[in-house]
C-alpha atoms as a PDB file:
ATOM      1  CA  UNK A   1     -13.042  -7.395 -14.931  1.00  0.00           C
ATOM      2  CA  UNK A   2     -12.939  -6.670 -18.656  1.00  0.00           C
ATOM      3  CA  UNK A   3      -9.566  -7.294 -20.386  1.00  0.00           C
ATOM      4  CA  UNK A   4      -7.841  -4.026 -21.328  1.00  0.00           C
ATOM      5  CA  UNK A   5      -8.363  -4.008 -25.119  1.00  0.00           C
ATOM      6  CA  UNK A   6     -12.076  -4.742 -24.757  1.00  0.00           C
ATOM      7  CA  UNK A   7     -12.442  -2.169 -21.991  1.00  0.00           C
ATOM      8  CA  UNK A   8     -10.858   0.452 -24.253  1.00  0.00           C
ATOM      9  CA  UNK A   9     -13.122  -0.611 -27.129  1.00  0.00           C
ATOM     10  CA  UNK A  10     -16.222  -0.333 -24.930  1.00  0.00           C
ATOM     11  CA  UNK A  11     -15.137   3.081 -23.669  1.00  0.00           C
ATOM     12  CA  UNK A  12     -14.585   4.277 -27.234  1.00  0.00           C
ATOM     13  CA  UNK A  13     -17.954   2.853 -28.347  1.00  0.00           C
ATOM     14  CA  UNK A  14     -19.762   4.705 -25.555  1.00  0.00           C
ATOM     15  CA  UNK A  15     -17.922   7.879 -26.563  1.00  0.00           C
ATOM     16  CA  UNK A  16     -18.858   7.444 -30.253  1.00  0.00           C
ATOM     17  CA  UNK A  17     -22.556   6.645 -29.860  1.00  0.00           C
ATOM     18  CA  UNK A  18     -23.874  10.205 -29.360  1.00  0.00           C
ATOM     19  CA  UNK A  19     -21.570  11.841 -31.923  1.00  0.00           C
ATOM     20  CA  UNK A  20     -22.646  13.053 -35.341  1.00  0.00           C
ATOM     21  CA  UNK A  21     -21.139  11.230 -38.321  1.00  0.00           C
ATOM     22  CA  UNK A  22     -18.382  13.774 -39.118  1.00  0.00           C
ATOM     23  CA  UNK A  23     -17.180  13.773 -35.495  1.00  0.00           C
ATOM     24  CA  UNK A  24     -17.520   9.995 -35.257  1.00  0.00           C
ATOM     25  CA  UNK A  25     -15.284   9.602 -38.306  1.00  0.00           C
ATOM     26  CA  UNK A  26     -12.642  11.958 -36.872  1.00  0.00           C
ATOM     27  CA  UNK A  27     -12.556  10.075 -33.563  1.00  0.00           C
ATOM     28  CA  UNK A  28     -12.350   6.687 -35.320  1.00  0.00           C
ATOM     29  CA  UNK A  29      -9.514   7.840 -37.578  1.00  0.00           C
ATOM     30  CA  UNK A  30      -7.574   9.165 -34.573  1.00  0.00           C
ATOM     31  CA  UNK A  31      -8.177   5.942 -32.607  1.00  0.00           C
ATOM     32  CA  UNK A  32      -7.003   3.797 -35.527  1.00  0.00           C
ATOM     33  CA  UNK A  33      -3.732   5.738 -35.642  1.00  0.00           C
ATOM     34  CA  UNK A  34      -3.294   5.779 -31.850  1.00  0.00           C
ATOM     35  CA  UNK A  35      -3.996   2.060 -31.379  1.00  0.00           C
ATOM     36  CA  UNK A  36      -2.508   0.627 -34.602  1.00  0.00           C
ATOM     37  CA  UNK A  37      -5.865  -0.431 -36.013  1.00  0.00           C
ATOM     38  CA  UNK A  38      -6.890  -0.750 -39.626  1.00  0.00           C
ATOM     39  CA  UNK A  39      -9.596   1.210 -41.401  1.00  0.00           C
ATOM     40  CA  UNK A  40     -10.536   0.762 -45.051  1.00  0.00           C
ATOM     41  CA  UNK A  41     -13.349   3.132 -46.049  1.00  0.00           C
ATOM     42  CA  UNK A  42     -15.717   2.143 -48.832  1.00  0.00           C
ATOM     43  CA  UNK A  43     -15.257   4.008 -52.086  1.00  0.00           C
ATOM     44  CA  UNK A  44     -18.143   5.755 -53.769  1.00  0.00           C
ATOM     45  CA  UNK A  45     -18.738   7.689 -56.942  1.00  0.00           C
ATOM     46  CA  UNK A  46     -18.235   4.899 -59.458  1.00  0.00           C
ATOM     47  CA  UNK A  47     -14.760   3.869 -58.322  1.00  0.00           C
ATOM     48  CA  UNK A  48     -13.708   0.271 -58.727  1.00  0.00           C
ATOM     49  CA  UNK A  49     -13.408  -0.443 -55.049  1.00  0.00           C
ATOM     50  CA  UNK A  50     -13.273  -1.337 -52.308  1.00  0.00           C
ATOM     51  CA  UNK A  51     -17.040  -1.573 -52.094  1.00  0.00           C
ATOM     52  CA  UNK A  52     -16.989  -2.779 -48.503  1.00  0.00           C
ATOM     53  CA  UNK A  53     -15.704  -0.768 -45.547  1.00  0.00           C
ATOM     54  CA  UNK A  54     -13.695  -2.525 -42.840  1.00  0.00           C
ATOM     55  CA  UNK A  55     -12.655  -1.461 -39.348  1.00  0.00           C
ATOM     56  CA  UNK A  56     -10.411  -3.407 -36.992  1.00  0.00           C
ATOM     57  CA  UNK A  57      -9.603  -1.709 -33.719  1.00  0.00           C
ATOM     58  CA  UNK A  58      -8.780  -2.809 -30.172  1.00  0.00           C
ATOM     59  CA  UNK A  59      -9.421  -6.489 -30.875  1.00  0.00           C
ATOM     60  CA  UNK A  60     -12.793  -5.981 -32.541  1.00  0.00           C
ATOM     61  CA  UNK A  61     -13.362  -6.078 -36.303  1.00  0.00           C
ATOM     62  CA  UNK A  62     -16.414  -5.327 -38.394  1.00  0.00           C
ATOM     63  CA  UNK A  63     -17.432  -4.325 -41.884  1.00  0.00           C
ATOM     64  CA  UNK A  64     -20.316  -2.680 -43.693  1.00  0.00           C
ATOM     65  CA  UNK A  65     -21.515  -1.753 -47.140  1.00  0.00           C
ATOM     66  CA  UNK A  66     -20.709   1.896 -46.348  1.00  0.00           C
ATOM     67  CA  UNK A  67     -18.092   3.500 -44.152  1.00  0.00           C
ATOM     68  CA  UNK A  68     -20.800   4.762 -41.808  1.00  0.00           C
ATOM     69  CA  UNK A  69     -22.310   1.264 -41.549  1.00  0.00           C
ATOM     70  CA  UNK A  70     -18.924  -0.300 -40.755  1.00  0.00           C
ATOM     71  CA  UNK A  71     -18.362   2.164 -37.905  1.00  0.00           C
ATOM     72  CA  UNK A  72     -21.918   1.658 -36.585  1.00  0.00           C
ATOM     73  CA  UNK A  73     -21.451  -2.132 -36.740  1.00  0.00           C
ATOM     74  CA  UNK A  74     -18.121  -1.836 -34.911  1.00  0.00           C
ATOM     75  CA  UNK A  75     -19.798   0.187 -32.137  1.00  0.00           C
ATOM     76  CA  UNK A  76     -22.522  -2.459 -31.766  1.00  0.00           C
ATOM     77  CA  UNK A  77     -19.925  -5.241 -31.665  1.00  0.00           C
ATOM     78  CA  UNK A  78     -17.851  -3.418 -29.028  1.00  0.00           C
ATOM     79  CA  UNK A  79     -20.914  -2.913 -26.817  1.00  0.00           C
ATOM     80  CA  UNK A  80     -21.967  -6.576 -27.242  1.00  0.00           C
ATOM     81  CA  UNK A  81     -18.453  -7.687 -26.347  1.00  0.00           C
ATOM     82  CA  UNK A  82     -18.539  -5.543 -23.219  1.00  0.00           C
ATOM     83  CA  UNK A  83     -21.855  -7.098 -22.202  1.00  0.00           C
ATOM     84  CA  UNK A  84     -20.744 -10.705 -22.778  1.00  0.00           C
ATOM     85  CA  UNK A  85     -17.365 -10.288 -21.099  1.00  0.00           C
ATOM     86  CA  UNK A  86     -19.037  -8.737 -18.035  1.00  0.00           C
ATOM     87  CA  UNK A  87     -21.558 -11.597 -17.893  1.00  0.00           C
ATOM     88  CA  UNK A  88     -18.773 -14.180 -18.124  1.00  0.00           C
ATOM     89  CA  UNK A  89     -16.778 -12.602 -15.295  1.00  0.00           C
END
């Protein structure tokens, strides 16, 4: 049995995978608010920073050089966690 936070993360990751980027971003932003996560999007357009995006949600954290990359990396990490927790059970 997968512990609750990781089960929720895996469920969210499966939900996010087929979505287009604009929808993916909306779902992530809503999940961060609903589950008290943190989300720091990367700045673009010559701003001073941050130049790295970070996402921490449901016990899984990841980053990327763009906001889209951070979300994609978080999805991969959530799916890997699901796999490894299931194998360990």
